[in-house]
């Protein structure tokens, strides 16, 4: 084969290599500078988005393997450079779909399902539900993003193991003003915890309404999630500023209410569902955590009783808008240990009753399709 044809084959092979952060082929991202083939040796020049790219070694290795795998190529050399400011600006514009400035891509016209996970009070396992549900949806082949909007008590990075050796949340990579969210278990994740440093003055932020609203806007507009099937939002507990802001920013979002079996928890959980409905959002179900668990001797362990989820669902149901008790997560030692260690139960112990409950919840939610009412479809009538 002529060397020019070999060079074309190598370019096609390395162009199909996927950037691990942007999750798109290098050819589409215009990250391939040049390809030269001489006497069976391929020299491939690539351009990284930024200097010190954390995925540089992986990209270089994948490109070298792709080039060397082309029939007729004996070895490959990868020369690594960095995009110019103009090239990076053009890339950012392409990633934003041709928009020069940031904008929320998850509008009512988007086909991405947005599900806000809420609770009336803290400590009911809302974040644990969000993290494990996100992974269970990803395991079903869906493209999943997760926003940790619980700015007062963020815990998603720890639950997903997105922390360094010192327990600090991993920071996102930035391409100009576009943030690339870290990925764990197939879930693209962003959290305010990724921008704060424990033990410093910056680790405590006095959240006021306008500041909180602006932060949520930036999570939606300045983070590159790419094409998603589902975006989950881990909400702060209660009916405060964050819930109202998400209602205004994402009025088409669906809401999943989390409660424990206790009547006190169910009472305040109902309020979050009622607020969501007032904001125009749809409550798609209630999940009960810390539900009764079966013990090896056949007895039942139910320190908080049972039925809170069913009661909350009944109280949120109105004529023509029934709200199901969509999931029941039993007490589980594996669930608690996995959360502490950043190894979610759905991946570490898939046969655990709690993991099976999350899988069933994911199956039930994945089986629901988002309504296309008020969605502009790209259809042109002749």
Protein backbone atom coordinates (compact mmCIF):
# COMPACT_ATOMS: atom_id res chain seq x y z
CA UNK A 1 0.00 0.00 0.00
CA UNK A 2 1.39 3.47 -0.86
CA UNK A 3 2.53 5.52 2.11
CA UNK A 4 -0.09 8.19 1.40
CA UNK A 5 -2.84 5.57 1.62
CA UNK A 6 -1.28 4.20 4.83
CA UNK A 7 -1.26 7.71 6.28
CA UNK A 8 -4.97 8.06 5.46
CA UNK A 9 -5.66 4.71 7.16
CA UNK A 10 -3.70 5.77 10.24
CA UNK A 11 -5.53 9.11 10.38
CA UNK A 12 -8.87 7.29 10.27
CA UNK A 13 -7.76 4.89 13.02
CA UNK A 14 -6.49 7.54 15.42
CA UNK A 15 -9.39 9.83 14.52
CA UNK A 16 -11.73 7.20 15.96
CA UNK A 17 -9.93 7.23 19.34
CA UNK A 18 -12.23 8.73 21.98
CA UNK A 19 -11.11 11.54 24.26
CA UNK A 20 -11.76 10.09 27.76
CA UNK A 21 -13.04 13.41 29.15
CA UNK A 22 -14.98 14.83 26.22
CA UNK A 23 -16.21 11.37 25.19
CA UNK A 24 -15.92 12.25 21.49
CA UNK A 25 -13.54 11.05 18.74
CA UNK A 26 -10.29 12.95 18.30
CA UNK A 27 -11.04 13.45 14.62
CA UNK A 28 -14.34 15.15 15.40
CA UNK A 29 -12.58 17.34 17.97
CA UNK A 30 -9.90 18.27 15.41
CA UNK A 31 -7.15 17.13 17.78
CA UNK A 32 -5.08 15.42 15.07
CA UNK A 33 -2.41 17.71 13.69
CA UNK A 34 -0.60 15.59 11.11
CA UNK A 35 0.11 11.99 10.15
CA UNK A 36 3.29 10.93 8.34
CA UNK A 37 4.21 7.38 7.33
CA UNK A 38 7.77 6.50 6.29
CA UNK A 39 9.11 2.97 5.92
CA UNK A 40 6.38 1.46 8.07
CA UNK A 41 6.76 3.99 10.88
CA UNK A 42 3.78 6.26 11.60
CA UNK A 43 4.38 9.64 13.20
CA UNK A 44 1.17 11.12 14.55
CA UNK A 45 0.89 14.67 15.87
CA UNK A 46 -1.96 15.38 18.27
CA UNK A 47 -3.10 18.52 20.04
CA UNK A 48 -4.29 18.35 23.64
CA UNK A 49 -6.89 20.83 24.81
CA UNK A 50 -4.74 22.21 27.64
CA UNK A 51 -1.19 21.96 28.94
CA UNK A 52 -0.96 19.42 31.75
CA UNK A 53 -4.05 17.55 30.58
CA UNK A 54 -4.67 14.82 33.19
CA UNK A 55 -5.55 12.33 30.44
CA UNK A 56 -2.48 13.06 28.28
CA UNK A 57 -0.74 9.72 28.91
CA UNK A 58 -3.91 7.74 28.23
CA UNK A 59 -4.62 9.63 24.99
CA UNK A 60 -1.02 9.20 23.84
CA UNK A 61 -1.15 5.47 24.57
CA UNK A 62 -4.50 4.97 22.83
CA UNK A 63 -3.33 6.90 19.75
CA UNK A 64 -0.10 4.87 19.56
CA UNK A 65 -2.02 1.59 19.83
CA UNK A 66 -4.55 2.65 17.19
CA UNK A 67 -1.83 3.71 14.76
CA UNK A 68 0.28 0.60 15.32
CA UNK A 69 -2.80 -1.56 14.74
CA UNK A 70 -3.14 -0.46 11.12
CA UNK A 71 -1.96 -3.22 8.73
CA UNK A 72 1.37 -2.21 7.24
CA UNK A 73 2.46 -0.10 10.22
CA UNK A 74 5.37 -1.54 12.17
CA UNK A 75 5.57 1.08 14.92
CA UNK A 76 4.12 4.45 15.87
CA UNK A 77 5.50 7.67 17.32
CA UNK A 78 3.14 10.17 18.93
CA UNK A 79 4.11 13.82 19.10
CA UNK A 80 2.03 15.78 21.60
CA UNK A 81 1.27 19.49 21.37
CA UNK A 82 -1.29 21.87 22.86
CA UNK A 83 -4.08 23.79 21.12
CA UNK A 84 -3.68 27.51 20.55
CA UNK A 85 -6.12 29.92 22.17
CA UNK A 86 -7.96 30.23 18.84
CA UNK A 87 -8.20 26.45 18.37
CA UNK A 88 -9.42 25.98 21.94
CA UNK A 89 -12.05 28.71 21.50
CA UNK A 90 -13.28 27.03 18.31
CA UNK A 91 -13.46 23.68 20.12
CA UNK A 92 -15.45 25.19 22.99
CA UNK A 93 -17.89 26.73 20.52
CA UNK A 94 -18.37 23.35 18.79
CA UNK A 95 -18.97 21.62 22.11
CA UNK A 96 -21.63 24.21 22.92
CA UNK A 97 -23.41 23.41 19.70
CA UNK A 98 -22.25 26.50 17.85
CA UNK A 99 -23.00 28.90 20.71
CA UNK A 100 -20.22 31.33 21.60
CA UNK A 101 -21.51 31.93 25.12
CA UNK A 102 -22.69 29.58 27.86
CA UNK A 103 -26.35 28.56 27.95
CA UNK A 104 -28.41 25.93 29.71
CA UNK A 105 -28.74 23.00 27.26
CA UNK A 106 -31.36 21.21 29.39
CA UNK A 107 -34.33 23.26 28.30
CA UNK A 108 -37.84 21.99 27.65
CA UNK A 109 -36.77 21.39 24.03
CA UNK A 110 -34.03 18.94 25.10
CA UNK A 111 -34.78 15.23 25.03
CA UNK A 112 -32.69 14.71 28.18
CA UNK A 113 -34.83 13.62 31.10
CA UNK A 114 -34.10 15.72 34.18
CA UNK A 115 -34.93 14.09 37.51
CA UNK A 116 -34.53 16.08 40.74
CA UNK A 117 -34.17 13.87 43.81
CA UNK A 118 -35.64 15.62 46.86
CA UNK A 119 -36.38 15.02 50.51
CA UNK A 120 -38.10 16.95 53.25
CA UNK A 121 -35.27 16.58 55.74
CA UNK A 122 -31.62 15.59 55.81
CA UNK A 123 -30.28 12.19 56.79
CA UNK A 124 -32.87 10.11 54.96
CA UNK A 125 -30.45 8.72 52.35
CA UNK A 126 -31.35 11.02 49.46
CA UNK A 127 -27.77 11.33 48.18
CA UNK A 128 -27.22 7.58 48.53
CA UNK A 129 -30.33 7.01 46.43
CA UNK A 130 -29.17 9.53 43.82
CA UNK A 131 -25.67 8.05 43.51
CA UNK A 132 -26.75 4.41 43.30
CA UNK A 133 -29.67 5.19 40.99
CA UNK A 134 -27.33 7.07 38.63
CA UNK A 135 -25.00 4.07 38.42
CA UNK A 136 -27.86 1.62 37.99
CA UNK A 137 -29.18 3.72 35.08
CA UNK A 138 -25.70 3.86 33.53
CA UNK A 139 -25.42 0.08 33.84
CA UNK A 140 -28.57 -0.16 31.73
CA UNK A 141 -26.71 1.60 28.92
CA UNK A 142 -28.03 5.12 29.49
CA UNK A 143 -25.83 8.21 29.29
CA UNK A 144 -26.12 9.72 32.77
CA UNK A 145 -25.07 13.02 34.34
CA UNK A 146 -25.34 14.00 37.99
CA UNK A 147 -25.38 17.45 39.57
CA UNK A 148 -24.78 17.60 43.32
CA UNK A 149 -26.89 20.64 44.13
CA UNK A 150 -26.81 19.95 47.87
CA UNK A 151 -24.35 22.78 48.45
CA UNK A 152 -24.88 22.75 52.22
CA UNK A 153 -24.09 19.06 52.69
CA UNK A 154 -22.51 17.78 49.47
CA UNK A 155 -21.60 14.10 49.67
CA UNK A 156 -21.80 12.81 46.09
CA UNK A 157 -18.01 12.91 45.40
CA UNK A 158 -17.35 10.70 48.41
CA UNK A 159 -20.19 8.31 47.62
CA UNK A 160 -18.85 7.82 44.08
CA UNK A 161 -15.19 7.62 45.08
CA UNK A 162 -14.34 10.85 43.24
CA UNK A 163 -11.75 11.80 45.85
CA UNK A 164 -7.95 11.79 46.04
CA UNK A 165 -5.76 10.00 48.59
CA UNK A 166 -6.41 12.78 51.12
CA UNK A 167 -10.17 12.51 50.70
CA UNK A 168 -10.51 15.76 48.74
CA UNK A 169 -12.99 15.83 45.88
CA UNK A 170 -11.41 15.60 42.43
CA UNK A 171 -11.46 18.84 40.49
CA UNK A 172 -12.93 19.06 36.98
CA UNK A 173 -10.66 19.82 34.04
CA UNK A 174 -11.28 23.19 32.38
CA UNK A 175 -11.11 24.05 28.69
CA UNK A 176 -11.26 27.84 28.84
CA UNK A 177 -14.46 28.48 30.83
CA UNK A 178 -15.96 25.06 30.09
CA UNK A 179 -15.69 22.49 32.90
CA UNK A 180 -15.33 18.79 32.08
CA UNK A 181 -16.95 16.78 34.89
CA UNK A 182 -15.09 13.82 36.43
CA UNK A 183 -16.57 10.43 35.58
CA UNK A 184 -17.17 7.53 37.96
CA UNK A 185 -18.94 4.28 37.10
CA UNK A 186 -20.03 5.83 33.81
CA UNK A 187 -21.67 8.84 35.50
CA UNK A 188 -20.49 12.38 34.69
CA UNK A 189 -20.59 14.27 37.97
CA UNK A 190 -20.22 17.85 39.19
CA UNK A 191 -20.39 19.08 42.80
CA UNK A 192 -19.60 22.29 44.67
CA UNK A 193 -17.31 20.07 46.76
CA UNK A 194 -14.99 19.86 43.75
CA UNK A 195 -14.30 23.59 44.01
CA UNK A 196 -13.78 23.88 47.78
CA UNK A 197 -10.66 22.92 49.72
CA UNK A 198 -11.15 21.38 53.21
CA UNK A 199 -9.30 23.15 56.00
CA UNK A 200 -9.21 26.53 54.23
CA UNK A 201 -11.36 29.64 54.41
CA UNK A 202 -12.79 28.65 51.02
CA UNK A 203 -14.22 25.42 52.47
CA UNK A 204 -17.17 27.25 54.06
CA UNK A 205 -19.45 29.35 51.87
CA UNK A 206 -22.33 31.41 53.30
CA UNK A 207 -24.95 30.55 50.68
CA UNK A 208 -27.45 33.30 50.02
CA UNK A 209 -30.29 32.97 47.51
CA UNK A 210 -28.79 34.89 44.54
CA UNK A 211 -25.38 33.22 44.94
CA UNK A 212 -26.97 29.78 45.10
CA UNK A 213 -29.07 30.50 42.01
CA UNK A 214 -26.00 31.64 40.07
CA UNK A 215 -24.07 28.51 41.07
CA UNK A 216 -26.86 26.26 39.83
CA UNK A 217 -27.00 28.24 36.58
CA UNK A 218 -23.26 27.68 36.10
CA UNK A 219 -23.58 23.95 36.77
CA UNK A 220 -26.15 23.75 33.98
CA UNK A 221 -24.46 26.07 31.48
CA UNK A 222 -20.71 25.88 32.12
CA UNK A 223 -20.31 22.11 32.60
CA UNK A 224 -19.95 20.02 29.47
CA UNK A 225 -22.04 16.90 29.99
CA UNK A 226 -22.41 16.17 26.29
CA UNK A 227 -25.45 14.26 25.08
CA UNK A 228 -27.29 12.74 28.06
CA UNK A 229 -30.28 10.47 28.35
CA UNK A 230 -30.81 11.34 32.01
CA UNK A 231 -29.60 14.16 34.26
CA UNK A 232 -30.07 13.52 37.98
CA UNK A 233 -29.95 16.39 40.47
CA UNK A 234 -29.24 15.70 44.14
CA UNK A 235 -31.23 18.48 45.79
CA UNK A 236 -30.72 20.00 49.23
CA UNK A 237 -33.39 18.85 51.67
CA UNK A 238 -36.44 21.00 52.20
CA UNK A 239 -38.30 23.68 50.27
CA UNK A 240 -35.73 26.46 50.27
CA UNK A 241 -33.97 28.59 47.67
CA UNK A 242 -32.38 25.68 45.78
CA UNK A 243 -35.71 23.98 45.14
CA UNK A 244 -37.23 27.24 43.91
CA UNK A 245 -34.21 27.99 41.70
CA UNK A 246 -34.30 24.54 40.08
CA UNK A 247 -38.02 25.00 39.58
CA UNK A 248 -37.37 28.22 37.67
CA UNK A 249 -34.34 26.92 35.75
CA UNK A 250 -35.83 23.49 34.98
CA UNK A 251 -39.62 23.76 35.19
CA UNK A 252 -39.97 20.60 33.09
CA UNK A 253 -37.95 18.47 35.54
CA UNK A 254 -39.45 15.38 37.09
CA UNK A 255 -39.21 14.98 40.86
CA UNK A 256 -38.42 11.86 42.87
CA UNK A 257 -39.24 12.22 46.57
CA UNK A 258 -37.20 10.30 49.17
CA UNK A 259 -38.41 9.54 52.69
CA UNK A 260 -37.89 7.08 55.53
CA UNK A 261 -40.80 5.06 56.92
CA UNK A 262 -41.25 7.49 59.82
CA UNK A 263 -44.38 9.62 59.75
CA UNK A 264 -42.35 12.75 60.60
CA UNK A 265 -40.10 12.24 57.57
CA UNK A 266 -43.03 11.45 55.31
CA UNK A 267 -44.87 14.60 56.42
CA UNK A 268 -42.06 16.94 55.37
CA UNK A 269 -41.31 14.88 52.24
CA UNK A 270 -44.84 15.56 51.04
CA UNK A 271 -44.13 19.29 51.22
CA UNK A 272 -41.28 19.01 48.71
CA UNK A 273 -43.59 17.24 46.30
CA UNK A 274 -46.28 19.87 46.74
CA UNK A 275 -43.75 22.66 46.08
CA UNK A 276 -42.53 20.88 42.94
CA UNK A 277 -46.09 20.69 41.70
CA UNK A 278 -46.61 24.40 42.39
CA UNK A 279 -43.51 25.11 40.28
CA UNK A 280 -44.95 23.12 37.38
CA UNK A 281 -42.82 20.01 37.87
CA UNK A 282 -44.18 16.46 37.91
CA UNK A 283 -43.69 14.11 40.86
CA UNK A 284 -42.87 10.70 39.34
CA UNK A 285 -42.66 8.67 42.53
CA UNK A 286 -41.68 8.23 46.15
CA UNK A 287 -38.72 6.13 47.33
CA UNK A 288 -38.66 4.78 50.86
CA UNK A 289 -35.23 4.27 52.41
CA UNK A 290 -34.27 2.44 55.63
CA UNK A 291 -37.19 0.14 54.91
CA UNK A 292 -37.66 -3.16 56.76
CA UNK A 293 -34.98 -5.76 56.02
CA UNK A 294 -35.15 -9.55 56.33
CA UNK A 295 -32.61 -11.06 58.71
CA UNK A 296 -30.92 -14.47 58.27
CA UNK A 297 -33.14 -16.01 60.96
CA UNK A 298 -36.25 -15.03 59.04
CA UNK A 299 -37.22 -12.14 61.28
CA UNK A 300 -37.72 -8.57 60.10
CA UNK A 301 -35.59 -5.60 61.13
CA UNK A 302 -37.70 -2.43 61.05
CA UNK A 303 -36.47 0.16 63.58
CA UNK A 304 -38.29 3.00 61.80
CA UNK A 305 -41.45 1.07 61.07
CA UNK A 306 -42.86 0.81 57.55
CA UNK A 307 -45.30 2.43 55.19
CA UNK A 308 -43.99 6.02 55.13
CA UNK A 309 -43.28 5.85 51.43
CA UNK A 310 -46.71 4.50 50.61
CA UNK A 311 -48.35 7.15 52.83
CA UNK A 312 -46.41 9.99 51.17
CA UNK A 313 -47.31 8.68 47.71
CA UNK A 314 -50.99 8.47 48.62
CA UNK A 315 -51.00 12.02 49.95
CA UNK A 316 -49.27 13.33 46.82
CA UNK A 317 -51.69 11.55 44.51
CA UNK A 318 -54.53 13.61 43.14
CA UNK A 319 -57.18 12.80 40.59
CA UNK A 320 -55.51 12.23 37.24
CA UNK A 321 -52.01 12.49 38.68
CA UNK A 322 -51.27 9.36 40.64
CA UNK A 323 -47.87 9.21 42.38
CA UNK A 324 -46.58 5.67 42.92
CA UNK A 325 -44.44 4.37 45.76
CA UNK A 326 -41.78 3.56 43.19
CA UNK A 327 -39.07 1.98 45.33
CA UNK A 328 -38.24 0.59 48.77
CA UNK A 329 -34.58 0.39 49.82
CA UNK A 330 -34.06 -1.94 52.81
CA UNK A 331 -31.51 -1.54 55.56
CA UNK A 332 -28.17 -2.88 54.33
CA UNK A 333 -24.73 -3.04 55.91
CA UNK A 334 -23.18 -3.32 52.44
CA UNK A 335 -24.98 -0.15 51.37
CA UNK A 336 -23.63 1.79 54.34
CA UNK A 337 -20.08 0.45 54.01
CA UNK A 338 -20.01 1.06 50.27
CA UNK A 339 -21.08 4.66 50.73
CA UNK A 340 -18.35 5.27 53.30
CA UNK A 341 -15.69 3.74 51.05
CA UNK A 342 -16.81 5.27 47.75
CA UNK A 343 -17.71 1.84 46.36
CA UNK A 344 -21.48 1.90 45.74
CA UNK A 345 -23.43 -1.22 46.59
CA UNK A 346 -24.86 -1.57 43.08
CA UNK A 347 -21.37 -2.26 41.73
CA UNK A 348 -19.69 -3.93 44.70
CA UNK A 349 -22.52 -6.19 45.88
CA UNK A 350 -25.12 -6.43 43.10
CA UNK A 351 -26.88 -9.34 44.83
CA UNK A 352 -27.46 -7.39 48.04
CA UNK A 353 -31.18 -6.66 48.59
CA UNK A 354 -30.50 -2.91 48.51
CA UNK A 355 -28.61 -3.22 45.21
CA UNK A 356 -31.46 -5.23 43.71
CA UNK A 357 -33.91 -2.57 44.88
CA UNK A 358 -31.86 0.13 43.12
CA UNK A 359 -31.72 -1.97 39.95
CA UNK A 360 -35.50 -2.37 40.05
CA UNK A 361 -35.93 1.37 40.61
CA UNK A 362 -33.67 2.12 37.63
CA UNK A 363 -35.60 -0.32 35.46
CA UNK A 364 -38.87 1.29 36.40
CA UNK A 365 -37.65 4.83 35.75
CA UNK A 366 -35.86 3.85 32.53
CA UNK A 367 -39.08 2.34 31.28
CA UNK A 368 -40.81 5.70 31.50
CA UNK A 369 -40.30 8.03 28.55
CA UNK A 370 -40.31 11.76 28.83
CA UNK A 371 -43.43 13.40 27.49
CA UNK A 372 -42.85 15.29 24.23
CA UNK A 373 -45.52 17.83 25.08
CA UNK A 374 -44.24 21.37 24.40
CA UNK A 375 -41.01 19.97 22.89
CA UNK A 376 -40.01 21.43 19.52
CA UNK A 377 -39.13 18.56 17.20
CA UNK A 378 -36.86 19.00 14.15
CA UNK A 379 -39.59 18.23 11.66
CA UNK A 380 -40.25 20.26 8.53
CA UNK A 381 -43.51 19.86 6.64
CA UNK A 382 -43.11 19.75 2.84
